[in-house]
Amino acid sequence: MDYIIDHIWFVLLIIWGLPLGYYRSKFRKIVYQTNHWSINIKPLFLKELKGLFVNIYPDNISYKKFKSFYSFYLIIYILLFIGYLIFDNS
């Protein structure tokens, strides 16, 4: 228990990061407009980044909602990572 308390930032980072694969897969399927499983292993990053920072489908409501959620999720993930780098004493 002392290990968890001493490394709380690392534990929070791991717990918050567990659903990242699912969320990224869902976002990539929306951006690349496919339901095929292989989109998860292809290194197609440019359209994904463009979809994250630019509104590439202005009429797609599900894209807009999930883009907002995914952006919020990634911001919290980045803040936890920064907290881990700054405050973890190990």
Foldseek 3Di string as FASTA:
>chain_A
DVVCVLQVLVVVLVVLCPCVLVLLQVLQCVQVVHDDPCSSVDPDCPSSVCLLPPVPPVVDPVSVVSSVVVNVSVVVSVVSVVCNVPPRDD
